[in-house]
């Protein structure tokens, strides 16, 4: 029987894999057989112990720090999806290109990756907001305030964004 820690670790592993849009089979294919689907699946279920070395190698494969794979009691459960933020693309098109350019390019990239060209709104994750905050050299909370000021982000969404 898997320990609670093994289950929590497995849940984090599964969360990272699914966030990257990978099935267990895709992990095996992309790693050219280095990571067998059955082994990764057993890690995710907590049925098989993973060594620190293998965990480090798996983190490298996923392109995340090892700490992202570690369960943390202070973080929301991995099964709980982060809140999505809705960017008003029509309002974004009205903001000066000088200031909104990085956000517009980021949004266009996401639309291209998703094949989503409705042109009205775009949902992004809080992680995307953190990335954009780095691009804008500000905190996620300050960027959210600015986006609300531009009319690009609903003020109600601001409540779900932690202060720096």
N, C-alpha and C. Protein backbone atom coordinates (compact mmCIF):
# COMPACT_ATOMS: atom_id res chain seq x y z
N UNK A 1 0.85 -1.19 0.00
CA UNK A 1 0.00 0.00 0.00
C UNK A 1 0.88 1.24 0.00
N UNK A 2 0.55 2.19 -0.82
CA UNK A 2 1.35 3.41 -0.96
C UNK A 2 1.14 4.33 0.25
N UNK A 3 2.25 4.96 0.68
CA UNK A 3 2.15 5.92 1.78
C UNK A 3 1.48 7.20 1.27
N UNK A 4 1.05 8.01 2.22
CA UNK A 4 0.44 9.29 1.84
C UNK A 4 1.44 10.15 1.08
N UNK A 5 2.72 10.11 1.50
CA UNK A 5 3.74 10.91 0.82
C UNK A 5 3.94 10.41 -0.61
N UNK A 6 3.99 9.09 -0.79
CA UNK A 6 4.17 8.53 -2.14
C UNK A 6 2.99 8.92 -3.03
N UNK A 7 1.79 8.91 -2.47
CA UNK A 7 0.61 9.32 -3.24
C UNK A 7 0.68 10.81 -3.60
N UNK A 8 1.11 11.64 -2.65
CA UNK A 8 1.22 13.08 -2.91
C UNK A 8 2.29 13.36 -3.96
N UNK A 9 3.42 12.65 -3.87
CA UNK A 9 4.47 12.80 -4.87
C UNK A 9 3.96 12.36 -6.23
N UNK A 10 3.28 11.24 -6.26
CA UNK A 10 2.71 10.75 -7.52
C UNK A 10 1.71 11.72 -8.11
N UNK A 11 0.92 12.34 -7.25
CA UNK A 11 -0.06 13.33 -7.72
C UNK A 11 0.65 14.52 -8.36
N UNK A 12 1.76 14.97 -7.76
CA UNK A 12 2.54 16.07 -8.34
C UNK A 12 3.12 15.64 -9.69
N UNK A 13 3.66 14.43 -9.75
CA UNK A 13 4.22 13.94 -11.02
C UNK A 13 3.15 13.93 -12.11
N UNK A 14 1.97 13.41 -11.77
CA UNK A 14 0.88 13.35 -12.74
C UNK A 14 0.44 14.76 -13.16
N UNK A 15 0.38 15.66 -12.20
CA UNK A 15 -0.03 17.03 -12.48
C UNK A 15 0.93 17.69 -13.47
N UNK A 16 2.23 17.55 -13.23
CA UNK A 16 3.23 18.15 -14.13
C UNK A 16 3.11 17.55 -15.52
N UNK A 17 2.96 16.23 -15.59
CA UNK A 17 2.85 15.56 -16.89
C UNK A 17 1.61 16.03 -17.64
N UNK A 18 0.48 16.09 -16.96
CA UNK A 18 -0.76 16.47 -17.65
C UNK A 18 -0.77 17.95 -18.00
N UNK A 19 -0.12 18.79 -17.18
CA UNK A 19 -0.02 20.22 -17.52
C UNK A 19 0.74 20.40 -18.83
N UNK A 20 1.65 19.48 -19.10
CA UNK A 20 2.43 19.55 -20.32
C UNK A 20 1.72 18.85 -21.48
N UNK A 21 0.51 18.36 -21.22
CA UNK A 21 -0.29 17.74 -22.27
C UNK A 21 0.24 16.39 -22.70
N UNK A 22 0.92 15.70 -21.82
CA UNK A 22 1.52 14.41 -22.16
C UNK A 22 0.74 13.25 -21.56
N UNK A 23 0.51 12.24 -22.36
CA UNK A 23 -0.01 10.97 -21.84
C UNK A 23 1.19 10.16 -21.38
N UNK A 24 0.94 9.07 -20.67
CA UNK A 24 2.05 8.20 -20.26
C UNK A 24 2.77 7.67 -21.49
N UNK A 25 2.00 7.30 -22.50
CA UNK A 25 2.59 6.80 -23.74
C UNK A 25 3.46 7.87 -24.41
N UNK A 26 3.00 9.12 -24.38
CA UNK A 26 3.77 10.21 -24.99
C UNK A 26 5.09 10.44 -24.26
N UNK A 27 5.09 10.25 -22.95
CA UNK A 27 6.34 10.37 -22.18
C UNK A 27 7.33 9.32 -22.67
N UNK A 28 6.84 8.10 -22.84
CA UNK A 28 7.71 7.02 -23.31
C UNK A 28 8.23 7.33 -24.72
N UNK A 29 7.35 7.80 -25.59
CA UNK A 29 7.77 8.13 -26.96
C UNK A 29 8.77 9.29 -26.98
N UNK A 30 8.43 10.37 -26.29
CA UNK A 30 9.27 11.57 -26.31
C UNK A 30 10.65 11.29 -25.69
N UNK A 31 10.70 10.39 -24.71
CA UNK A 31 11.98 10.06 -24.07
C UNK A 31 12.71 8.94 -24.81
N UNK A 32 12.15 8.51 -25.92
CA UNK A 32 12.72 7.43 -26.73
C UNK A 32 12.92 6.17 -25.90
N UNK A 33 11.94 5.89 -25.04
CA UNK A 33 11.95 4.67 -24.25
C UNK A 33 12.70 4.76 -22.93
N UNK A 34 13.33 5.88 -22.67
CA UNK A 34 14.07 6.03 -21.41
C UNK A 34 13.11 5.97 -20.23
N UNK A 35 11.94 6.57 -20.39
CA UNK A 35 10.91 6.56 -19.35
C UNK A 35 9.76 5.68 -19.83
N UNK A 36 9.67 4.49 -19.30
CA UNK A 36 8.60 3.56 -19.68
C UNK A 36 7.27 4.03 -19.07
N UNK A 37 6.21 3.95 -19.87
CA UNK A 37 4.90 4.39 -19.42
C UNK A 37 4.48 3.66 -18.15
N UNK A 38 4.72 2.37 -18.08
CA UNK A 38 4.32 1.59 -16.91
C UNK A 38 5.07 2.03 -15.66
N UNK A 39 6.33 2.41 -15.80
CA UNK A 39 7.13 2.85 -14.65
C UNK A 39 6.66 4.22 -14.18
N UNK A 40 6.49 5.16 -15.11
CA UNK A 40 6.03 6.50 -14.74
C UNK A 40 4.64 6.40 -14.10
N UNK A 41 3.78 5.57 -14.67
CA UNK A 41 2.45 5.37 -14.10
C UNK A 41 2.50 4.82 -12.68
N UNK A 42 3.44 3.90 -12.43
CA UNK A 42 3.54 3.35 -11.08
C UNK A 42 4.11 4.38 -10.10
N UNK A 43 4.98 5.28 -10.58
CA UNK A 43 5.43 6.39 -9.74
C UNK A 43 4.24 7.29 -9.39
N UNK A 44 3.42 7.57 -10.41
CA UNK A 44 2.28 8.47 -10.21
C UNK A 44 1.23 7.90 -9.27
N UNK A 45 1.07 6.60 -9.27
CA UNK A 45 0.11 5.96 -8.36
C UNK A 45 0.69 5.79 -6.96
N UNK A 46 2.01 5.98 -6.83
CA UNK A 46 2.67 5.76 -5.55
C UNK A 46 2.94 4.30 -5.29
N UNK A 47 2.82 3.45 -6.32
CA UNK A 47 3.03 2.01 -6.18
C UNK A 47 4.51 1.64 -6.23
N UNK A 48 5.33 2.55 -6.72
CA UNK A 48 6.75 2.27 -6.90
C UNK A 48 7.56 3.44 -6.35
N UNK A 49 8.57 3.13 -5.55
CA UNK A 49 9.42 4.17 -4.99
C UNK A 49 10.32 4.74 -6.09
N UNK A 50 10.52 6.04 -6.04
CA UNK A 50 11.40 6.70 -6.99
C UNK A 50 12.61 7.22 -6.24
N UNK A 51 13.80 6.93 -6.76
CA UNK A 51 15.01 7.41 -6.10
C UNK A 51 15.17 8.90 -6.35
N UNK A 52 15.99 9.53 -5.55
CA UNK A 52 16.27 10.95 -5.73
C UNK A 52 16.89 11.18 -7.10
N UNK A 53 17.80 10.29 -7.50
CA UNK A 53 18.44 10.42 -8.81
C UNK A 53 17.42 10.36 -9.94
N UNK A 54 16.51 9.39 -9.88
CA UNK A 54 15.49 9.26 -10.94
C UNK A 54 14.52 10.44 -10.91
N UNK A 55 14.20 10.92 -9.71
CA UNK A 55 13.32 12.08 -9.60
C UNK A 55 13.98 13.30 -10.25
N UNK A 56 15.27 13.47 -10.02
CA UNK A 56 16.01 14.57 -10.63
C UNK A 56 16.01 14.44 -12.15
N UNK A 57 16.21 13.24 -12.64
CA UNK A 57 16.23 13.00 -14.08
C UNK A 57 14.84 13.25 -14.69
N UNK A 58 13.81 12.87 -13.96
CA UNK A 58 12.44 13.10 -14.44
C UNK A 58 12.13 14.59 -14.47
N UNK A 59 12.60 15.32 -13.46
CA UNK A 59 12.42 16.78 -13.44
C UNK A 59 13.11 17.40 -14.65
N UNK A 60 14.32 16.94 -14.96
CA UNK A 60 15.04 17.44 -16.15
C UNK A 60 14.24 17.14 -17.41
N UNK A 61 13.70 15.94 -17.49
CA UNK A 61 12.91 15.56 -18.67
C UNK A 61 11.70 16.49 -18.85
N UNK A 62 11.02 16.78 -17.74
CA UNK A 62 9.85 17.66 -17.80
C UNK A 62 10.24 19.14 -17.89
N UNK A 63 11.52 19.45 -17.66
CA UNK A 63 11.96 20.84 -17.73
C UNK A 63 11.50 21.68 -16.56
N UNK A 64 11.42 21.06 -15.38
CA UNK A 64 10.99 21.77 -14.18
C UNK A 64 12.02 21.53 -13.08
N UNK A 65 12.08 22.42 -12.09
CA UNK A 65 12.98 22.15 -10.95
C UNK A 65 12.45 20.97 -10.14
N UNK A 66 13.35 20.25 -9.50
CA UNK A 66 12.94 19.11 -8.68
C UNK A 66 11.90 19.54 -7.64
N UNK A 67 12.06 20.75 -7.11
CA UNK A 67 11.12 21.22 -6.09
C UNK A 67 9.68 21.27 -6.61
N UNK A 68 9.50 21.42 -7.92
CA UNK A 68 8.15 21.45 -8.48
C UNK A 68 7.49 20.08 -8.39
N UNK A 69 8.29 19.03 -8.28
CA UNK A 69 7.74 17.68 -8.19
C UNK A 69 7.45 17.26 -6.75
N UNK A 70 8.01 17.99 -5.81
CA UNK A 70 7.88 17.61 -4.41
C UNK A 70 6.55 18.07 -3.84
N UNK A 71 5.86 17.19 -3.12
CA UNK A 71 4.60 17.61 -2.49
C UNK A 71 4.90 18.62 -1.39
N UNK A 72 4.02 19.58 -1.24
CA UNK A 72 4.19 20.63 -0.24
C UNK A 72 2.84 20.85 0.42
N UNK A 73 2.79 20.67 1.71
CA UNK A 73 1.52 20.77 2.41
C UNK A 73 0.93 22.17 2.37
N UNK A 74 1.75 23.19 2.07
CA UNK A 74 1.24 24.56 2.04
C UNK A 74 0.74 24.98 0.67
N UNK A 75 0.92 24.12 -0.31
CA UNK A 75 0.48 24.42 -1.66
C UNK A 75 -0.85 23.72 -1.90
N UNK A 76 -1.70 24.30 -2.71
CA UNK A 76 -2.99 23.68 -3.03
C UNK A 76 -2.75 22.30 -3.61
N UNK A 77 -3.63 21.36 -3.41
CA UNK A 77 -3.46 20.02 -3.96
C UNK A 77 -3.25 20.07 -5.48
N UNK A 78 -2.43 19.15 -5.97
CA UNK A 78 -2.09 19.15 -7.39
C UNK A 78 -3.31 18.90 -8.26
N UNK A 79 -4.34 18.28 -7.71
CA UNK A 79 -5.52 17.99 -8.51
C UNK A 79 -6.40 19.23 -8.68
N UNK A 80 -6.13 20.26 -7.89
CA UNK A 80 -6.92 21.49 -7.95
C UNK A 80 -6.31 22.41 -9.01
N UNK A 81 -7.04 22.66 -10.06
CA UNK A 81 -6.52 23.50 -11.14
C UNK A 81 -6.46 24.95 -10.69
N UNK A 82 -5.35 25.63 -11.05
CA UNK A 82 -5.28 27.05 -10.72
C UNK A 82 -6.38 27.83 -11.43
N UNK A 83 -6.78 28.93 -10.82
CA UNK A 83 -7.82 29.76 -11.42
C UNK A 83 -7.35 30.32 -12.76
N UNK A 84 -8.26 30.37 -13.72
CA UNK A 84 -7.94 30.95 -15.02
C UNK A 84 -8.31 32.42 -15.02
N UNK A 85 -7.55 33.17 -15.76
CA UNK A 85 -7.80 34.59 -15.90
C UNK A 85 -8.24 34.82 -17.33
N UNK A 86 -9.25 35.65 -17.53
CA UNK A 86 -9.78 35.90 -18.86
C UNK A 86 -9.30 37.26 -19.34
N UNK A 87 -8.53 37.24 -20.42
CA UNK A 87 -8.02 38.47 -21.04
C UNK A 87 -9.01 38.88 -22.13
N UNK A 88 -9.45 40.12 -22.09
CA UNK A 88 -10.35 40.67 -23.10
C UNK A 88 -9.47 41.14 -24.27
N UNK A 89 -9.45 40.35 -25.35
CA UNK A 89 -8.57 40.65 -26.48
C UNK A 89 -9.02 41.89 -27.25
N UNK A 90 -10.32 42.14 -27.25
CA UNK A 90 -10.81 43.34 -27.93
C UNK A 90 -10.33 44.59 -27.19
N UNK A 91 -10.38 44.57 -25.86
CA UNK A 91 -9.88 45.70 -25.07
C UNK A 91 -8.37 45.82 -25.22
N UNK A 92 -7.70 44.69 -25.29
CA UNK A 92 -6.24 44.69 -25.45
C UNK A 92 -5.83 45.39 -26.75
N UNK A 93 -6.61 45.19 -27.79
CA UNK A 93 -6.28 45.81 -29.08
C UNK A 93 -6.39 47.34 -29.03
N UNK A 94 -7.06 47.88 -28.01
CA UNK A 94 -7.23 49.33 -27.87
C UNK A 94 -6.12 49.98 -27.03
N UNK A 95 -5.28 49.14 -26.38
CA UNK A 95 -4.20 49.65 -25.54
C UNK A 95 -2.99 49.93 -26.43
N UNK A 96 -2.21 50.95 -26.10
CA UNK A 96 -1.06 51.31 -26.93
C UNK A 96 -0.12 50.12 -27.09
N UNK A 97 0.38 49.95 -28.31
CA UNK A 97 1.27 48.83 -28.62
C UNK A 97 2.55 48.91 -27.80
N UNK A 98 2.96 50.12 -27.46
CA UNK A 98 4.19 50.28 -26.68
C UNK A 98 4.09 49.55 -25.34
N UNK A 99 2.96 49.69 -24.67
CA UNK A 99 2.80 49.06 -23.35
C UNK A 99 2.22 47.65 -23.46
N UNK A 100 1.28 47.45 -24.35
CA UNK A 100 0.58 46.16 -24.43
C UNK A 100 1.29 45.16 -25.36
N UNK A 101 2.31 45.60 -26.05
CA UNK A 101 2.99 44.73 -27.02
C UNK A 101 3.39 43.35 -26.49
N UNK A 102 4.09 43.29 -25.34
CA UNK A 102 4.47 41.96 -24.83
C UNK A 102 3.27 41.06 -24.54
N UNK A 103 2.22 41.63 -23.95
CA UNK A 103 1.02 40.84 -23.66
C UNK A 103 0.35 40.40 -24.96
N UNK A 104 0.27 41.29 -25.94
CA UNK A 104 -0.35 40.95 -27.22
C UNK A 104 0.42 39.82 -27.91
N UNK A 105 1.74 39.88 -27.89
CA UNK A 105 2.55 38.81 -28.51
C UNK A 105 2.38 37.49 -27.76
N UNK A 106 2.35 37.57 -26.43
CA UNK A 106 2.16 36.38 -25.61
C UNK A 106 0.80 35.75 -25.91
N UNK A 107 -0.23 36.58 -25.96
CA UNK A 107 -1.58 36.09 -26.26
C UNK A 107 -1.64 35.46 -27.65
N UNK A 108 -0.99 36.11 -28.62
CA UNK A 108 -0.99 35.57 -29.99
C UNK A 108 -0.30 34.21 -30.03
N UNK A 109 0.76 34.05 -29.25
CA UNK A 109 1.47 32.76 -29.20
C UNK A 109 0.57 31.69 -28.61
N UNK A 110 -0.12 32.02 -27.52
CA UNK A 110 -1.03 31.05 -26.90
C UNK A 110 -2.15 30.68 -27.87
N UNK A 111 -2.71 31.68 -28.55
CA UNK A 111 -3.78 31.41 -29.52
C UNK A 111 -3.28 30.48 -30.61
N UNK A 112 -2.08 30.72 -31.09
CA UNK A 112 -1.50 29.89 -32.15
C UNK A 112 -1.31 28.45 -31.66
N UNK A 113 -0.78 28.29 -30.45
CA UNK A 113 -0.57 26.96 -29.90
C UNK A 113 -1.88 26.21 -29.70
N UNK A 114 -2.91 26.93 -29.31
CA UNK A 114 -4.22 26.30 -29.06
C UNK A 114 -5.07 26.18 -30.32
N UNK A 115 -4.69 26.92 -31.35
CA UNK A 115 -5.55 26.97 -32.54
C UNK A 115 -6.85 27.68 -32.22
N UNK A 116 -6.79 28.66 -31.32
CA UNK A 116 -7.98 29.36 -30.82
C UNK A 116 -7.92 30.81 -31.30
N UNK A 117 -8.71 31.12 -32.28
CA UNK A 117 -8.66 32.46 -32.87
C UNK A 117 -10.00 33.17 -32.79
N UNK A 118 -10.74 33.00 -31.70
CA UNK A 118 -12.04 33.66 -31.61
C UNK A 118 -11.89 35.17 -31.52
N UNK A 119 -10.73 35.65 -31.07
CA UNK A 119 -10.43 37.08 -31.08
C UNK A 119 -11.13 37.91 -30.02
N UNK A 120 -11.96 37.31 -29.20
CA UNK A 120 -12.70 38.09 -28.20
C UNK A 120 -12.04 37.99 -26.82
N UNK A 121 -11.83 36.77 -26.36
CA UNK A 121 -11.22 36.57 -25.05
C UNK A 121 -10.21 35.42 -25.12
N UNK A 122 -9.33 35.40 -24.12
CA UNK A 122 -8.35 34.33 -24.02
C UNK A 122 -8.16 34.01 -22.55
N UNK A 123 -8.29 32.75 -22.19
CA UNK A 123 -8.05 32.38 -20.79
C UNK A 123 -6.58 32.04 -20.64
N UNK A 124 -6.00 32.55 -19.55
CA UNK A 124 -4.63 32.23 -19.22
C UNK A 124 -4.60 31.74 -17.78
N UNK A 125 -3.53 31.05 -17.42
CA UNK A 125 -3.39 30.54 -16.06
C UNK A 125 -2.64 31.57 -15.21
N UNK A 126 -2.69 31.38 -13.92
CA UNK A 126 -1.94 32.27 -13.02
C UNK A 126 -0.45 32.16 -13.31
N UNK A 127 0.00 30.98 -13.72
CA UNK A 127 1.41 30.81 -14.08
C UNK A 127 1.78 31.70 -15.27
N UNK A 128 0.86 31.86 -16.22
CA UNK A 128 1.09 32.76 -17.35
C UNK A 128 1.23 34.20 -16.85
N UNK A 129 0.42 34.57 -15.87
CA UNK A 129 0.50 35.92 -15.31
C UNK A 129 1.86 36.14 -14.65
N UNK A 130 2.37 35.12 -13.96
CA UNK A 130 3.70 35.24 -13.34
C UNK A 130 4.77 35.41 -14.41
N UNK A 131 4.65 34.68 -15.50
CA UNK A 131 5.60 34.82 -16.61
C UNK A 131 5.53 36.22 -17.20
N UNK A 132 4.33 36.70 -17.44
CA UNK A 132 4.16 38.05 -17.98
C UNK A 132 4.70 39.11 -17.02
N UNK A 133 4.54 38.88 -15.72
CA UNK A 133 5.06 39.82 -14.74
C UNK A 133 6.58 39.93 -14.85
N UNK A 134 7.25 38.82 -15.12
CA UNK A 134 8.70 38.85 -15.32
C UNK A 134 9.02 39.68 -16.56
N UNK A 135 8.27 39.46 -17.63
CA UNK A 135 8.48 40.22 -18.87
C UNK A 135 8.28 41.71 -18.63
N UNK A 136 7.27 42.06 -17.84
CA UNK A 136 6.98 43.46 -17.56
C UNK A 136 7.79 44.02 -16.38
N UNK A 137 8.64 43.16 -15.78
CA UNK A 137 9.48 43.57 -14.65
C UNK A 137 8.66 44.17 -13.52
N UNK A 138 7.64 43.40 -13.10
CA UNK A 138 6.77 43.82 -12.02
C UNK A 138 6.27 42.57 -11.30
N UNK A 139 5.47 42.73 -10.29
CA UNK A 139 4.89 41.58 -9.59
C UNK A 139 3.60 41.18 -10.30
N UNK A 140 3.17 39.92 -10.13
CA UNK A 140 1.89 39.51 -10.72
C UNK A 140 0.72 40.39 -10.23
N UNK A 141 0.73 40.75 -8.95
CA UNK A 141 -0.36 41.57 -8.42
C UNK A 141 -0.37 42.96 -9.06
N UNK A 142 0.82 43.55 -9.22
CA UNK A 142 0.89 44.87 -9.84
C UNK A 142 0.49 44.81 -11.31
N UNK A 143 0.92 43.73 -12.01
CA UNK A 143 0.54 43.59 -13.41
C UNK A 143 -0.98 43.41 -13.52
N UNK A 144 -1.55 42.62 -12.64
CA UNK A 144 -3.00 42.43 -12.66
C UNK A 144 -3.72 43.76 -12.47
N UNK A 145 -3.23 44.57 -11.55
CA UNK A 145 -3.82 45.90 -11.35
C UNK A 145 -3.75 46.72 -12.63
N UNK A 146 -2.60 46.65 -13.30
CA UNK A 146 -2.43 47.40 -14.55
C UNK A 146 -3.39 46.88 -15.63
N UNK A 147 -3.52 45.56 -15.72
CA UNK A 147 -4.43 44.98 -16.71
C UNK A 147 -5.87 45.36 -16.44
N UNK A 148 -6.24 45.42 -15.16
CA UNK A 148 -7.58 45.88 -14.80
C UNK A 148 -7.74 47.34 -15.24
N UNK A 149 -6.72 48.15 -15.00
CA UNK A 149 -6.74 49.56 -15.41
C UNK A 149 -6.88 49.73 -16.92
N UNK A 150 -6.29 48.83 -17.68
CA UNK A 150 -6.40 48.88 -19.14
C UNK A 150 -7.78 48.41 -19.62
N UNK A 151 -8.54 47.75 -18.71
CA UNK A 151 -9.82 47.18 -19.09
C UNK A 151 -9.68 45.82 -19.75
N UNK A 152 -8.52 45.21 -19.59
CA UNK A 152 -8.22 43.94 -20.22
C UNK A 152 -8.58 42.76 -19.32
N UNK A 153 -8.56 42.99 -18.01
CA UNK A 153 -8.83 41.95 -17.03
C UNK A 153 -9.96 42.41 -16.12
N UNK A 154 -10.91 41.52 -15.86
CA UNK A 154 -12.03 41.83 -14.99
C UNK A 154 -11.52 42.09 -13.57
N UNK A 155 -11.96 43.17 -12.92
CA UNK A 155 -11.51 43.46 -11.56
C UNK A 155 -11.76 42.31 -10.58
N UNK A 156 -12.80 41.51 -10.81
CA UNK A 156 -13.10 40.39 -9.91
C UNK A 156 -11.99 39.34 -9.93
N UNK A 157 -11.30 39.20 -11.06
CA UNK A 157 -10.22 38.23 -11.18
C UNK A 157 -9.04 38.63 -10.27
N UNK A 158 -8.92 39.88 -9.98
CA UNK A 158 -7.80 40.38 -9.18
C UNK A 158 -7.80 39.78 -7.77
N UNK A 159 -8.97 39.44 -7.27
CA UNK A 159 -9.07 38.87 -5.90
C UNK A 159 -8.33 37.55 -5.77
N UNK A 160 -8.23 36.78 -6.84
CA UNK A 160 -7.58 35.47 -6.77
C UNK A 160 -6.07 35.51 -6.92
N UNK A 161 -5.50 36.70 -7.06
CA UNK A 161 -4.07 36.83 -7.30
C UNK A 161 -3.38 37.25 -6.00
N UNK A 162 -2.47 36.40 -5.50
CA UNK A 162 -1.82 36.74 -4.23
C UNK A 162 -0.92 37.96 -4.37
N UNK A 163 -0.81 38.69 -3.27
CA UNK A 163 0.10 39.84 -3.24
C UNK A 163 1.53 39.32 -3.24
N UNK A 164 2.46 40.16 -3.68
CA UNK A 164 3.87 39.76 -3.73
C UNK A 164 4.43 39.52 -2.36
